[in-house]
N, C-alpha and C. Protein backbone atom coordinates (compact mmCIF):
# COMPACT_ATOMS: atom_id res chain seq x y z
N MET A 1 186.52 33.77 -161.39
CA MET A 1 185.94 33.99 -160.91
C MET A 1 186.15 35.66 -159.99
N ALA A 2 187.63 35.43 -159.53
CA ALA A 2 188.14 36.71 -159.11
C ALA A 2 188.10 38.05 -159.40
N ASP A 3 187.74 38.14 -160.95
CA ASP A 3 187.59 39.08 -161.45
C ASP A 3 186.20 39.39 -162.65
N LEU A 4 185.33 40.27 -162.21
CA LEU A 4 183.74 40.04 -162.35
C LEU A 4 183.90 41.20 -164.13
N ASN A 5 185.46 41.82 -164.55
CA ASN A 5 185.19 41.95 -165.77
C ASN A 5 184.96 40.62 -166.82
N SER A 6 186.30 39.88 -166.45
CA SER A 6 186.65 38.75 -166.73
C SER A 6 184.94 37.67 -167.07
N VAL A 7 184.30 37.47 -165.72
CA VAL A 7 182.88 37.12 -166.52
C VAL A 7 181.87 37.55 -166.87
N GLU A 8 181.96 38.82 -166.93
CA GLU A 8 181.26 39.42 -167.99
C GLU A 8 181.60 38.94 -169.35
N GLN A 9 182.90 39.12 -169.32
CA GLN A 9 183.22 39.42 -171.38
C GLN A 9 182.85 37.32 -171.40
N PHE A 10 183.07 36.57 -170.00
CA PHE A 10 182.40 35.43 -170.84
C PHE A 10 181.59 34.85 -170.95
N THR A 11 180.21 35.32 -170.32
CA THR A 11 178.95 35.70 -170.56
C THR A 11 178.47 36.25 -171.35
N ASN A 12 179.16 37.17 -172.14
CA ASN A 12 178.83 37.50 -173.11
C ASN A 12 179.16 37.09 -174.58
N LYS A 13 180.06 36.49 -174.38
CA LYS A 13 181.06 35.78 -175.53
C LYS A 13 179.72 34.35 -175.63
N PHE A 14 179.96 33.40 -174.20
CA PHE A 14 178.45 32.35 -174.41
C PHE A 14 177.69 32.87 -174.66
N LYS A 15 176.67 33.90 -174.26
CA LYS A 15 175.16 34.20 -174.84
C LYS A 15 175.65 34.38 -176.46
N GLY A 16 176.90 34.76 -176.85
CA GLY A 16 176.49 35.32 -178.26
C GLY A 16 177.03 33.64 -179.28
N LEU A 17 177.10 32.94 -178.52
CA LEU A 17 177.15 31.14 -179.18
C LEU A 17 176.24 30.44 -178.65
N PHE A 18 175.91 30.57 -177.83
CA PHE A 18 174.43 29.88 -177.44
C PHE A 18 173.15 30.32 -177.17
N SER A 19 172.06 29.21 -177.76
CA SER A 19 170.76 30.20 -176.47
C SER A 19 170.00 29.11 -175.47
N LYS A 20 170.53 28.29 -175.45
CA LYS A 20 170.48 27.38 -174.39
C LYS A 20 171.34 26.52 -173.13
N LEU A 21 171.35 26.78 -172.43
CA LEU A 21 171.99 26.17 -171.15
C LEU A 21 171.67 25.12 -170.38
N ASP A 22 171.55 24.12 -170.63
CA ASP A 22 171.36 22.56 -169.82
C ASP A 22 171.12 23.18 -167.76
N VAL A 23 172.24 23.31 -167.68
CA VAL A 23 173.16 23.09 -166.15
C VAL A 23 174.33 23.97 -165.72
N LEU A 24 174.20 24.95 -164.90
CA LEU A 24 175.34 25.94 -164.19
C LEU A 24 175.92 25.16 -162.91
N ILE A 25 177.59 24.94 -162.96
CA ILE A 25 177.53 24.47 -161.36
C ILE A 25 178.38 25.07 -161.35
N ASN A 26 178.21 25.95 -160.07
CA ASN A 26 179.33 27.26 -159.39
C ASN A 26 179.83 26.37 -158.44
N ASN A 27 181.08 25.73 -158.90
CA ASN A 27 182.29 25.11 -158.10
C ASN A 27 183.31 25.90 -157.78
N ALA A 28 184.05 26.79 -158.55
CA ALA A 28 185.30 27.32 -158.60
C ALA A 28 185.22 28.03 -156.72
N GLY A 29 186.55 27.69 -156.35
CA GLY A 29 186.93 27.88 -154.76
C GLY A 29 188.29 28.28 -154.47
N VAL A 30 188.24 29.12 -153.58
CA VAL A 30 189.30 29.35 -153.02
C VAL A 30 189.47 29.11 -151.27
N MET A 31 190.10 28.63 -150.75
CA MET A 31 189.95 27.80 -149.57
C MET A 31 191.31 28.76 -148.48
N MET A 32 190.76 29.27 -147.42
CA MET A 32 192.12 29.63 -146.60
C MET A 32 193.04 30.19 -146.58
N PRO A 33 193.43 31.51 -147.56
CA PRO A 33 194.78 31.69 -148.05
C PRO A 33 195.04 32.61 -146.93
N ASN A 34 196.20 31.96 -146.17
CA ASN A 34 197.23 32.55 -144.83
C ASN A 34 196.97 33.80 -144.40
N ALA A 35 197.20 34.70 -145.92
CA ALA A 35 197.20 36.24 -145.80
C ALA A 35 195.48 36.55 -146.36
N ARG A 36 195.29 37.71 -146.12
CA ARG A 36 194.23 38.57 -146.89
C ARG A 36 194.74 39.45 -147.51
N LEU A 37 193.59 38.42 -149.13
CA LEU A 37 194.58 38.72 -150.29
C LEU A 37 192.89 39.33 -150.71
N THR A 38 193.11 40.23 -152.34
CA THR A 38 191.80 40.80 -152.43
C THR A 38 191.58 40.44 -153.84
N THR A 39 190.25 40.52 -154.51
CA THR A 39 190.09 40.58 -156.21
C THR A 39 190.29 41.60 -157.07
N LYS A 40 189.67 41.24 -158.01
CA LYS A 40 190.51 42.32 -159.18
C LYS A 40 189.69 43.78 -158.64
N GLN A 41 188.87 43.23 -158.22
CA GLN A 41 187.51 44.68 -157.92
C GLN A 41 187.73 44.75 -156.38
N GLY A 42 188.43 44.40 -155.93
CA GLY A 42 188.98 44.62 -154.36
C GLY A 42 188.11 43.76 -153.26
N PHE A 43 187.19 43.02 -153.29
CA PHE A 43 186.44 42.05 -152.78
C PHE A 43 187.84 41.06 -152.03
N GLU A 44 187.34 40.69 -150.61
CA GLU A 44 188.45 39.97 -149.92
C GLU A 44 188.36 38.34 -150.75
N LEU A 45 189.29 38.17 -151.12
CA LEU A 45 189.28 37.25 -151.88
C LEU A 45 188.34 35.86 -152.14
N GLN A 46 188.02 35.21 -150.78
CA GLN A 46 187.22 34.00 -150.82
C GLN A 46 185.65 34.52 -151.02
N PHE A 47 185.20 35.48 -150.39
CA PHE A 47 183.69 35.94 -150.47
C PHE A 47 183.59 36.68 -151.99
N GLY A 48 184.66 37.10 -152.30
CA GLY A 48 184.86 37.82 -153.75
C GLY A 48 184.96 36.65 -154.71
N THR A 49 185.20 35.54 -154.65
CA THR A 49 185.51 34.44 -155.95
C THR A 49 184.30 33.65 -155.41
N ASN A 50 184.07 33.15 -154.23
CA ASN A 50 183.19 31.81 -154.26
C ASN A 50 181.89 32.18 -154.08
N HIS A 51 181.84 33.71 -153.76
CA HIS A 51 180.08 34.05 -153.57
C HIS A 51 179.86 35.05 -154.74
N ILE A 52 180.59 35.94 -154.95
CA ILE A 52 180.29 37.44 -155.39
C ILE A 52 180.49 37.20 -157.34
N GLY A 53 181.55 36.28 -157.41
CA GLY A 53 182.21 35.87 -158.66
C GLY A 53 180.53 34.91 -159.05
N HIS A 54 180.09 33.77 -158.51
CA HIS A 54 179.36 32.89 -158.72
C HIS A 54 177.69 33.94 -158.99
N PHE A 55 177.38 34.84 -157.92
CA PHE A 55 176.21 35.67 -157.88
C PHE A 55 176.25 36.18 -159.12
N VAL A 56 177.32 37.27 -159.66
CA VAL A 56 177.33 37.37 -160.87
C VAL A 56 177.21 36.89 -162.49
N LEU A 57 177.80 35.81 -162.41
CA LEU A 57 178.32 34.51 -163.42
C LEU A 57 176.39 34.43 -163.24
N THR A 58 175.88 33.76 -162.26
CA THR A 58 174.55 32.92 -162.45
C THR A 58 173.74 34.57 -162.83
N ASN A 59 173.48 35.42 -162.59
CA ASN A 59 172.71 36.58 -162.65
C ASN A 59 172.61 36.68 -164.66
N HIS A 60 174.10 37.26 -165.01
CA HIS A 60 174.48 37.14 -166.32
C HIS A 60 173.81 35.88 -167.18
N LEU A 61 173.85 34.40 -166.61
CA LEU A 61 173.03 33.64 -167.52
C LEU A 61 171.85 33.05 -167.45
N LEU A 62 171.07 33.23 -166.04
CA LEU A 62 170.13 33.36 -166.19
C LEU A 62 168.55 33.53 -166.84
N PRO A 63 169.13 34.26 -167.88
CA PRO A 63 168.45 34.46 -168.85
C PRO A 63 168.16 33.47 -170.27
N ILE A 64 169.33 32.79 -170.43
CA ILE A 64 169.84 31.87 -171.21
C ILE A 64 169.04 30.00 -170.43
N LEU A 65 169.52 30.44 -169.06
CA LEU A 65 168.75 29.14 -168.34
C LEU A 65 167.39 29.06 -168.46
N GLU A 66 166.45 30.04 -168.46
CA GLU A 66 165.58 30.21 -168.33
C GLU A 66 164.69 30.14 -169.48
N ASN A 67 165.59 30.21 -170.88
CA ASN A 67 165.04 30.06 -171.95
C ASN A 67 165.39 28.44 -171.99
N THR A 68 165.92 27.49 -171.15
CA THR A 68 166.10 25.93 -171.32
C THR A 68 165.30 25.46 -170.70
N PRO A 69 164.27 24.96 -171.19
CA PRO A 69 163.12 24.55 -170.00
C PRO A 69 163.61 23.36 -169.17
N ASN A 70 163.44 23.37 -168.07
CA ASN A 70 164.06 22.44 -166.94
C ASN A 70 165.41 21.88 -166.48
N SER A 71 166.13 23.42 -167.21
CA SER A 71 167.35 23.66 -166.61
C SER A 71 167.55 23.64 -165.50
N ARG A 72 169.23 23.52 -164.53
CA ARG A 72 168.58 23.75 -163.44
C ARG A 72 170.15 24.39 -162.84
N ILE A 73 170.63 24.92 -161.67
CA ILE A 73 171.79 25.48 -161.08
C ILE A 73 172.41 25.21 -159.66
N VAL A 74 173.58 24.34 -159.86
CA VAL A 74 174.10 23.74 -158.75
C VAL A 74 175.11 24.38 -158.26
N THR A 75 174.60 25.15 -156.70
CA THR A 75 176.01 25.92 -156.56
C THR A 75 176.49 24.84 -154.93
N LEU A 76 177.42 25.05 -155.04
CA LEU A 76 178.65 23.96 -154.31
C LEU A 76 178.66 24.90 -153.36
N SER A 77 178.42 24.56 -151.75
CA SER A 77 178.61 25.01 -150.38
C SER A 77 179.70 24.41 -149.56
N SER A 78 179.56 23.90 -148.34
CA SER A 78 180.80 23.36 -148.25
C SER A 78 180.57 22.83 -146.49
N LEU A 79 180.85 21.47 -145.95
CA LEU A 79 180.75 21.37 -144.50
C LEU A 79 180.71 22.57 -143.47
N VAL A 80 182.02 23.30 -143.97
CA VAL A 80 181.75 24.58 -142.85
C VAL A 80 180.93 25.63 -142.86
N ALA A 81 180.41 25.21 -143.56
CA ALA A 81 179.07 26.64 -143.68
C ALA A 81 177.96 26.30 -142.62
N LYS A 82 178.15 25.14 -142.16
CA LYS A 82 177.10 24.79 -140.57
C LYS A 82 178.25 24.65 -139.33
N MET A 83 179.56 24.74 -139.41
CA MET A 83 180.19 24.55 -138.54
C MET A 83 180.49 26.46 -137.53
N GLY A 84 180.71 26.41 -136.80
CA GLY A 84 180.94 27.75 -135.58
C GLY A 84 181.59 28.88 -135.84
N LYS A 85 182.24 28.64 -137.33
CA LYS A 85 182.36 30.53 -137.38
C LYS A 85 181.52 30.74 -138.57
N ALA A 86 180.82 29.61 -139.07
CA ALA A 86 179.65 30.18 -140.38
C ALA A 86 179.09 31.33 -139.81
N ASP A 87 178.93 32.23 -140.57
CA ASP A 87 178.18 33.28 -140.27
C ASP A 87 178.40 34.59 -141.63
N ILE A 88 177.47 35.34 -141.40
CA ILE A 88 177.47 36.20 -142.25
C ILE A 88 178.09 37.82 -141.57
N TYR A 89 179.80 38.23 -141.59
CA TYR A 89 179.91 38.64 -141.24
C TYR A 89 179.39 40.70 -141.45
N TRP A 90 178.28 40.93 -141.50
CA TRP A 90 178.06 42.07 -142.07
C TRP A 90 178.68 43.91 -141.48
N ASP A 91 179.46 43.39 -140.12
CA ASP A 91 179.99 44.67 -140.12
C ASP A 91 181.48 44.28 -140.61
N ASP A 92 182.07 43.47 -141.15
CA ASP A 92 182.87 43.22 -142.03
C ASP A 92 183.04 42.50 -143.02
N LEU A 93 182.41 42.57 -143.74
CA LEU A 93 182.08 41.46 -144.83
C LEU A 93 183.71 41.19 -145.88
N GLN A 94 184.25 41.98 -145.89
CA GLN A 94 185.87 42.49 -146.71
C GLN A 94 186.66 41.99 -145.74
N TRP A 95 186.65 41.44 -144.13
CA TRP A 95 187.63 41.16 -143.52
C TRP A 95 188.89 42.35 -143.68
N GLU A 96 188.21 43.39 -143.42
CA GLU A 96 189.26 44.36 -143.46
C GLU A 96 189.33 45.51 -142.51
N LYS A 97 189.06 45.20 -141.08
CA LYS A 97 189.75 44.88 -139.70
C LYS A 97 190.33 44.27 -138.73
N SER A 98 189.49 42.90 -139.64
CA SER A 98 191.15 42.18 -139.11
C SER A 98 190.51 40.72 -139.94
N TYR A 99 191.48 39.75 -140.04
CA TYR A 99 191.03 38.47 -141.10
C TYR A 99 191.11 37.40 -139.77
N ASP A 100 190.38 36.56 -139.86
CA ASP A 100 190.32 35.12 -140.00
C ASP A 100 190.01 34.12 -140.79
N LYS A 101 190.73 33.53 -141.46
CA LYS A 101 190.84 32.67 -142.33
C LYS A 101 189.76 31.76 -142.71
N MET A 102 189.71 31.01 -141.58
CA MET A 102 188.49 29.84 -141.31
C MET A 102 187.01 31.02 -141.57
N ALA A 103 187.08 31.56 -140.44
CA ALA A 103 185.36 32.59 -140.64
C ALA A 103 185.13 33.04 -141.99
N ALA A 104 186.79 33.68 -143.07
CA ALA A 104 186.03 34.07 -144.03
C ALA A 104 185.97 33.09 -145.05
N TYR A 105 186.48 31.96 -144.76
CA TYR A 105 186.16 30.54 -145.58
C TYR A 105 184.64 30.36 -145.52
N ALA A 106 184.29 30.61 -144.01
CA ALA A 106 182.91 29.76 -144.22
C ALA A 106 182.02 30.93 -144.41
N GLN A 107 181.94 32.16 -143.95
CA GLN A 107 181.11 33.03 -144.73
C GLN A 107 180.82 32.92 -145.69
N SER A 108 182.21 32.20 -146.83
CA SER A 108 181.48 32.26 -148.00
C SER A 108 180.95 31.64 -148.74
N LYS A 109 181.21 29.87 -148.07
CA LYS A 109 180.14 29.21 -148.57
C LYS A 109 179.04 29.03 -147.34
N LEU A 110 178.72 29.78 -146.59
CA LEU A 110 177.29 30.28 -146.05
C LEU A 110 176.44 30.68 -146.67
N ALA A 111 176.99 32.03 -147.55
CA ALA A 111 176.79 33.25 -148.51
C ALA A 111 176.30 31.76 -149.80
N ASN A 112 177.32 31.37 -150.27
CA ASN A 112 177.11 30.44 -151.52
C ASN A 112 175.83 29.11 -150.98
N MET A 113 175.43 29.11 -149.96
CA MET A 113 174.26 28.24 -149.59
C MET A 113 172.92 29.52 -149.65
N MET A 114 173.06 30.39 -148.71
CA MET A 114 171.95 31.22 -149.26
C MET A 114 171.95 31.97 -150.36
N PHE A 115 172.63 32.00 -151.16
CA PHE A 115 172.55 32.42 -152.84
C PHE A 115 171.29 31.38 -153.14
N GLY A 116 172.06 30.03 -152.97
CA GLY A 116 170.84 29.30 -153.78
C GLY A 116 169.49 28.99 -152.94
N ILE A 117 169.73 28.74 -151.95
CA ILE A 117 168.45 29.24 -151.53
C ILE A 117 167.09 30.36 -152.33
N GLU A 118 168.14 31.29 -151.81
CA GLU A 118 167.40 32.04 -152.42
C GLU A 118 166.97 32.32 -153.60
N LEU A 119 168.27 32.27 -154.36
CA LEU A 119 167.74 32.04 -155.55
C LEU A 119 166.40 31.35 -156.36
N GLN A 120 166.14 29.94 -155.56
CA GLN A 120 165.38 28.92 -155.83
C GLN A 120 164.02 29.89 -155.55
N GLU A 121 163.68 30.44 -154.37
CA GLU A 121 162.57 31.25 -153.67
C GLU A 121 162.03 32.03 -155.06
N ARG A 122 163.62 32.99 -155.78
CA ARG A 122 163.05 34.10 -156.58
C ARG A 122 162.91 33.30 -158.27
N LEU A 123 163.11 32.50 -158.31
CA LEU A 123 162.54 31.55 -159.12
C LEU A 123 161.07 30.32 -159.47
N ALA A 124 160.86 30.38 -158.03
CA ALA A 124 160.05 29.91 -157.87
C ALA A 124 158.81 30.74 -158.33
N ALA A 125 158.84 31.45 -157.36
CA ALA A 125 157.87 32.77 -157.78
C ALA A 125 157.58 33.42 -158.56
N ARG A 126 158.07 33.68 -159.64
CA ARG A 126 157.43 33.43 -160.91
C ARG A 126 157.18 32.42 -161.98
N GLY A 127 157.61 30.98 -161.41
CA GLY A 127 156.64 29.81 -162.14
C GLY A 127 157.67 29.74 -162.80
N SER A 128 159.34 29.86 -162.82
CA SER A 128 160.60 29.20 -163.79
C SER A 128 160.26 27.99 -163.64
N THR A 129 160.68 27.42 -164.73
CA THR A 129 161.22 25.60 -164.88
C THR A 129 162.44 25.36 -164.58
N THR A 130 163.19 26.80 -164.47
CA THR A 130 164.51 26.05 -163.75
C THR A 130 164.89 26.05 -162.07
N ILE A 131 165.56 25.40 -161.78
CA ILE A 131 165.62 25.11 -160.30
C ILE A 131 167.14 25.41 -159.76
N SER A 132 166.93 26.07 -158.93
CA SER A 132 168.41 26.21 -158.15
C SER A 132 168.78 25.26 -157.14
N VAL A 133 169.68 24.47 -156.68
CA VAL A 133 170.32 23.25 -155.99
C VAL A 133 171.76 23.60 -155.56
N MET A 134 171.65 22.86 -154.10
CA MET A 134 172.64 22.87 -153.59
C MET A 134 173.70 21.86 -153.43
N ALA A 135 174.94 21.87 -153.14
CA ALA A 135 175.97 20.62 -153.08
C ALA A 135 176.86 20.75 -152.25
N HIS A 136 177.35 19.91 -151.43
CA HIS A 136 178.82 19.73 -151.22
C HIS A 136 179.55 18.35 -151.01
N PRO A 137 180.56 18.39 -150.64
CA PRO A 137 181.60 17.18 -150.92
C PRO A 137 181.65 16.30 -150.29
N GLY A 138 181.02 16.93 -148.72
CA GLY A 138 181.87 16.26 -147.24
C GLY A 138 183.19 16.52 -147.25
N TYR A 139 183.78 15.50 -146.63
CA TYR A 139 184.88 15.70 -146.47
C TYR A 139 186.15 15.11 -147.41
N THR A 140 186.54 15.73 -148.68
CA THR A 140 187.05 15.39 -149.42
C THR A 140 188.53 15.38 -149.47
N ALA A 141 189.34 14.70 -150.23
CA ALA A 141 191.14 15.33 -150.23
C ALA A 141 191.04 16.30 -151.95
N THR A 142 190.92 17.36 -151.32
CA THR A 142 191.31 18.25 -152.83
C THR A 142 192.48 19.03 -152.68
N ASN A 143 193.03 19.59 -153.46
CA ASN A 143 193.96 21.24 -153.29
C ASN A 143 193.71 21.97 -152.64
N LEU A 144 192.36 22.23 -152.97
CA LEU A 144 191.82 22.99 -151.97
C LEU A 144 192.30 23.12 -150.38
N GLN A 145 193.12 22.18 -149.71
CA GLN A 145 193.57 22.05 -148.13
C GLN A 145 194.92 22.45 -148.69
N ASN A 146 195.67 22.87 -149.73
CA ASN A 146 197.23 23.45 -149.58
C ASN A 146 198.05 24.38 -148.36
N ASN A 147 196.63 25.10 -147.73
CA ASN A 147 196.71 26.13 -147.10
C ASN A 147 196.46 25.78 -145.54
N MET A 148 196.27 24.40 -145.06
CA MET A 148 196.16 23.65 -143.76
C MET A 148 197.12 23.06 -143.15
N GLY A 149 198.46 22.67 -143.75
CA GLY A 149 199.79 22.77 -143.79
C GLY A 149 199.92 21.06 -142.96
N VAL A 150 200.72 20.71 -142.87
CA VAL A 150 200.69 19.43 -142.59
C VAL A 150 199.58 18.57 -141.99
N GLN A 151 199.17 19.65 -140.95
CA GLN A 151 197.74 19.13 -139.99
C GLN A 151 196.70 18.34 -141.08
N GLY A 152 196.35 19.75 -142.10
CA GLY A 152 195.40 19.36 -143.24
C GLY A 152 196.18 17.87 -144.02
N LYS A 153 197.15 17.50 -144.20
CA LYS A 153 197.66 16.72 -145.01
C LYS A 153 197.57 15.10 -144.45
N ILE A 154 197.46 15.43 -142.84
CA ILE A 154 197.14 14.10 -142.02
C ILE A 154 195.94 13.72 -141.71
N MET A 155 195.36 14.72 -141.46
CA MET A 155 193.47 14.66 -141.76
C MET A 155 192.93 14.22 -142.66
N ASN A 156 193.69 14.27 -144.05
CA ASN A 156 193.68 13.94 -145.29
C ASN A 156 193.62 12.37 -145.08
N PHE A 157 195.03 12.46 -145.14
CA PHE A 157 195.22 10.84 -145.11
C PHE A 157 194.35 9.74 -144.43
N LEU A 158 193.92 10.36 -143.38
CA LEU A 158 193.28 10.06 -142.41
C LEU A 158 191.85 9.49 -142.76
N PHE A 159 191.00 10.45 -143.07
CA PHE A 159 189.72 10.91 -142.75
C PHE A 159 188.74 11.18 -143.69
N ALA A 160 190.00 11.90 -144.88
CA ALA A 160 189.08 12.61 -146.21
C ALA A 160 188.51 11.17 -147.25
N GLN A 161 187.45 11.26 -148.02
CA GLN A 161 187.16 10.54 -148.62
C GLN A 161 187.66 10.43 -149.80
N LYS A 162 187.82 10.01 -151.19
CA LYS A 162 188.46 10.37 -152.16
C LYS A 162 187.53 10.89 -153.38
N LEU A 163 188.26 11.51 -154.16
CA LEU A 163 187.77 12.72 -155.14
C LEU A 163 186.63 12.04 -155.90
N GLU A 164 186.71 11.23 -156.22
CA GLU A 164 186.00 9.87 -156.63
C GLU A 164 184.40 10.10 -156.28
N MET A 165 184.61 9.89 -154.90
CA MET A 165 183.21 10.30 -153.75
C MET A 165 182.87 11.52 -153.87
N GLY A 166 183.47 12.20 -153.34
CA GLY A 166 183.06 13.89 -153.36
C GLY A 166 182.59 14.33 -154.67
N ILE A 167 182.71 14.46 -155.30
CA ILE A 167 182.16 14.67 -156.78
C ILE A 167 180.42 14.21 -157.03
N LEU A 168 180.60 13.17 -155.99
CA LEU A 168 178.82 12.78 -156.35
C LEU A 168 177.77 13.34 -155.53
N PRO A 169 177.95 13.92 -154.76
CA PRO A 169 176.99 15.18 -154.22
C PRO A 169 176.30 15.98 -155.81
N THR A 170 177.26 16.36 -156.32
CA THR A 170 177.25 17.54 -157.32
C THR A 170 176.43 16.50 -158.32
N LEU A 171 177.39 15.68 -158.68
CA LEU A 171 176.91 14.97 -159.82
C LEU A 171 175.04 14.31 -159.63
N ARG A 172 174.79 14.12 -158.83
CA ARG A 172 173.42 13.64 -158.40
C ARG A 172 172.14 15.17 -157.89
N ALA A 173 173.20 16.24 -157.74
CA ALA A 173 172.08 17.32 -157.73
C ALA A 173 172.33 18.05 -159.30
N ALA A 174 172.97 17.81 -160.11
CA ALA A 174 172.72 18.16 -161.52
C ALA A 174 172.17 17.53 -162.34
N THR A 175 172.16 15.88 -162.46
CA THR A 175 171.44 15.11 -162.88
C THR A 175 170.44 14.34 -162.45
N ASP A 176 169.93 13.83 -161.39
CA ASP A 176 169.13 13.17 -160.92
C ASP A 176 168.07 13.62 -161.13
N PRO A 177 166.78 13.25 -162.15
CA PRO A 177 165.70 13.97 -162.44
C PRO A 177 164.22 14.11 -161.33
N ASN A 178 164.95 13.55 -160.35
CA ASN A 178 163.81 13.24 -158.68
C ASN A 178 164.49 14.59 -157.90
N VAL A 179 165.35 15.21 -158.12
CA VAL A 179 165.64 16.79 -157.55
C VAL A 179 164.99 17.63 -157.63
N LYS A 180 164.78 17.77 -156.54
CA LYS A 180 163.88 19.12 -156.36
C LYS A 180 164.31 20.79 -156.07
N GLY A 181 163.89 21.86 -156.68
CA GLY A 181 164.68 23.03 -156.16
C GLY A 181 164.88 23.53 -154.79
N GLY A 182 165.65 23.76 -154.47
CA GLY A 182 165.95 24.18 -152.66
C GLY A 182 166.46 22.75 -152.59
N GLU A 183 167.05 21.63 -152.80
CA GLU A 183 167.41 20.64 -152.28
C GLU A 183 168.89 20.97 -151.94
N TYR A 184 169.40 20.52 -150.99
CA TYR A 184 170.83 20.06 -150.52
C TYR A 184 171.73 19.06 -150.56
N TYR A 185 172.47 18.36 -151.30
CA TYR A 185 172.87 17.24 -151.08
C TYR A 185 174.60 16.78 -150.78
N GLY A 186 174.38 16.02 -149.91
CA GLY A 186 175.79 15.66 -149.82
C GLY A 186 176.19 14.21 -149.00
N PRO A 187 177.37 13.88 -149.05
CA PRO A 187 177.45 12.92 -148.22
C PRO A 187 176.73 12.07 -146.94
N ALA A 188 175.97 10.48 -146.88
CA ALA A 188 175.41 10.53 -145.95
C ALA A 188 175.87 10.32 -144.78
N ASN A 189 176.75 9.71 -144.34
CA ASN A 189 177.82 9.15 -143.53
C ASN A 189 178.68 10.74 -142.59
N MET A 190 179.16 9.94 -141.38
CA MET A 190 179.60 10.64 -140.47
C MET A 190 179.46 12.17 -140.48
N ALA A 191 178.79 12.37 -140.13
CA ALA A 191 177.86 13.90 -139.96
C ALA A 191 178.01 14.16 -141.17
N ASN A 192 177.81 13.32 -142.54
CA ASN A 192 177.92 14.47 -143.84
C ASN A 192 178.93 15.00 -144.07
N CYS A 193 180.07 13.69 -143.16
CA CYS A 193 181.57 14.02 -143.84
C CYS A 193 182.04 13.17 -145.27
N ARG A 194 181.43 11.84 -145.19
CA ARG A 194 181.96 10.59 -146.56
C ARG A 194 180.39 10.20 -146.59
N GLY A 195 180.85 9.38 -147.78
CA GLY A 195 179.15 7.90 -148.39
C GLY A 195 178.69 8.57 -149.77
N TYR A 196 177.84 8.40 -149.97
CA TYR A 196 177.04 8.46 -151.34
C TYR A 196 175.99 9.67 -150.92
N PRO A 197 175.74 10.16 -151.89
CA PRO A 197 174.67 11.51 -151.66
C PRO A 197 173.31 11.56 -151.26
N VAL A 198 172.97 12.01 -150.21
CA VAL A 198 171.55 12.13 -149.77
C VAL A 198 171.14 13.65 -149.67
N ILE A 199 169.90 13.87 -149.41
CA ILE A 199 169.44 15.27 -149.18
C ILE A 199 170.06 15.41 -147.59
N ASN A 200 170.83 16.40 -147.59
CA ASN A 200 171.43 17.31 -146.04
C ASN A 200 170.41 18.46 -145.59
N GLU A 201 170.52 18.47 -144.49
CA GLU A 201 169.84 20.09 -144.00
C GLU A 201 171.00 21.17 -144.26
N PRO A 202 170.35 22.15 -144.13
CA PRO A 202 171.40 23.62 -144.91
C PRO A 202 171.44 23.97 -143.30
N ASN A 203 172.08 24.64 -143.44
CA ASN A 203 171.97 25.73 -142.09
C ASN A 203 170.90 26.66 -142.26
N PRO A 204 170.65 26.33 -140.43
CA PRO A 204 168.98 27.26 -140.39
C PRO A 204 169.16 28.88 -140.79
N MET A 205 170.37 29.50 -140.40
CA MET A 205 170.29 30.60 -141.34
C MET A 205 169.99 30.82 -142.52
N ALA A 206 170.60 29.86 -143.37
CA ALA A 206 169.86 29.74 -144.92
C ALA A 206 168.81 30.00 -145.21
N LEU A 207 167.91 29.63 -144.22
CA LEU A 207 166.48 29.72 -144.55
C LEU A 207 165.31 30.79 -143.53
N ASP A 208 166.31 31.40 -143.36
CA ASP A 208 165.70 32.55 -143.07
C ASP A 208 165.64 33.80 -144.14
N ARG A 209 164.19 33.84 -144.80
CA ARG A 209 163.92 34.71 -145.94
C ARG A 209 164.49 36.51 -145.85
N ASP A 210 164.66 36.42 -144.60
CA ASP A 210 165.14 38.23 -144.22
C ASP A 210 166.47 38.11 -144.12
N ILE A 211 167.43 37.05 -143.69
CA ILE A 211 168.55 36.69 -144.23
C ILE A 211 169.36 36.86 -145.61
N THR A 212 168.40 36.16 -146.48
CA THR A 212 169.15 35.77 -147.84
C THR A 212 168.42 36.63 -148.48
N ARG A 213 167.30 37.65 -148.24
CA ARG A 213 167.20 38.71 -149.11
C ARG A 213 167.72 39.82 -148.85
N LYS A 214 168.41 39.76 -147.56
CA LYS A 214 169.84 41.10 -147.36
C LYS A 214 170.66 41.24 -148.40
N LEU A 215 171.25 39.37 -148.00
CA LEU A 215 172.62 39.58 -148.45
C LEU A 215 172.39 39.42 -149.99
N TRP A 216 171.17 39.13 -150.65
CA TRP A 216 171.07 39.33 -151.71
C TRP A 216 171.44 40.78 -152.62
N THR A 217 170.51 41.78 -151.72
CA THR A 217 170.62 43.38 -151.95
C THR A 217 171.99 43.89 -151.60
N VAL A 218 172.76 43.07 -150.66
CA VAL A 218 174.21 43.52 -150.23
C VAL A 218 174.81 43.49 -151.50
N SER A 219 174.82 41.96 -152.15
CA SER A 219 175.39 41.44 -152.97
C SER A 219 175.67 42.64 -154.61
N GLU A 220 174.05 42.52 -154.43
CA GLU A 220 173.81 43.53 -155.73
C GLU A 220 174.62 45.13 -155.70
N ASP A 221 174.58 45.10 -154.43
CA ASP A 221 174.60 46.63 -154.00
C ASP A 221 176.73 47.00 -154.38
N LEU A 222 176.96 45.58 -153.64
CA LEU A 222 178.81 45.62 -153.55
C LEU A 222 179.26 45.54 -155.39
N ILE A 223 178.41 45.02 -155.85
CA ILE A 223 178.53 44.97 -157.49
C ILE A 223 178.61 46.37 -158.46
N GLN A 224 177.69 46.59 -158.06
CA GLN A 224 177.64 48.11 -158.69
C GLN A 224 178.87 49.29 -157.84
N VAL A 225 179.27 48.98 -156.93
CA VAL A 225 180.75 50.31 -156.42
C VAL A 225 181.46 49.08 -156.59
N GLY A 226 181.62 47.31 -156.62
CA GLY A 226 183.46 47.09 -156.94
C GLY A 226 183.68 47.00 -158.32
N VAL A 227 182.53 46.97 -159.24
CA VAL A 227 183.36 46.94 -160.61
C VAL A 227 183.97 47.82 -161.15
N ASN A 228 185.35 47.88 -162.06
CA ASN A 228 185.57 48.60 -162.51
C ASN A 228 185.32 48.87 -163.94
């Protein structure tokens, strides 16, 4: 996901081998590196991996997904996509002026949510049977928290749910026959931190079509500039 040339090579190979794809789960993630890092094409690592990489992957695979009746795309967001620093920092998308690791991560996960919702709008507008759904794992102990230090390890021990629970929202979004396009699944309890998966409310910004369309257009423009 951090090298768009690799993403393109993979999708070309996949399309050469298969004619159908039932479920695509956009789950790759980078979380809060202490220093600003970049992808192969020069995007800030979290925005480039978590959002741009999946944006390219999904769009390359969309023809084969739409060739598969009732296929679905599940894009993973995060609790932080609704927290205080969650925003799209239009004036410094790549964090070149300054770097805030939490804000950069929150931006990337809000972008995931916006992408999933805008994709559903576009699929529905053309009458596609493919749906776009979002999910998040709540507060789940994974190796994503490696950069949170001792405090993160203590919080994981005290409050985080196990991976077996954290994966359930993704599995429900990917397999439940009653899921509808545009829905967002996460844990039911403790402000959506823990519990079995239910429909959660997305960040209101992700429901603003002007913003989601703008992010889509900006993402397309960045890809044209960024690919080597």
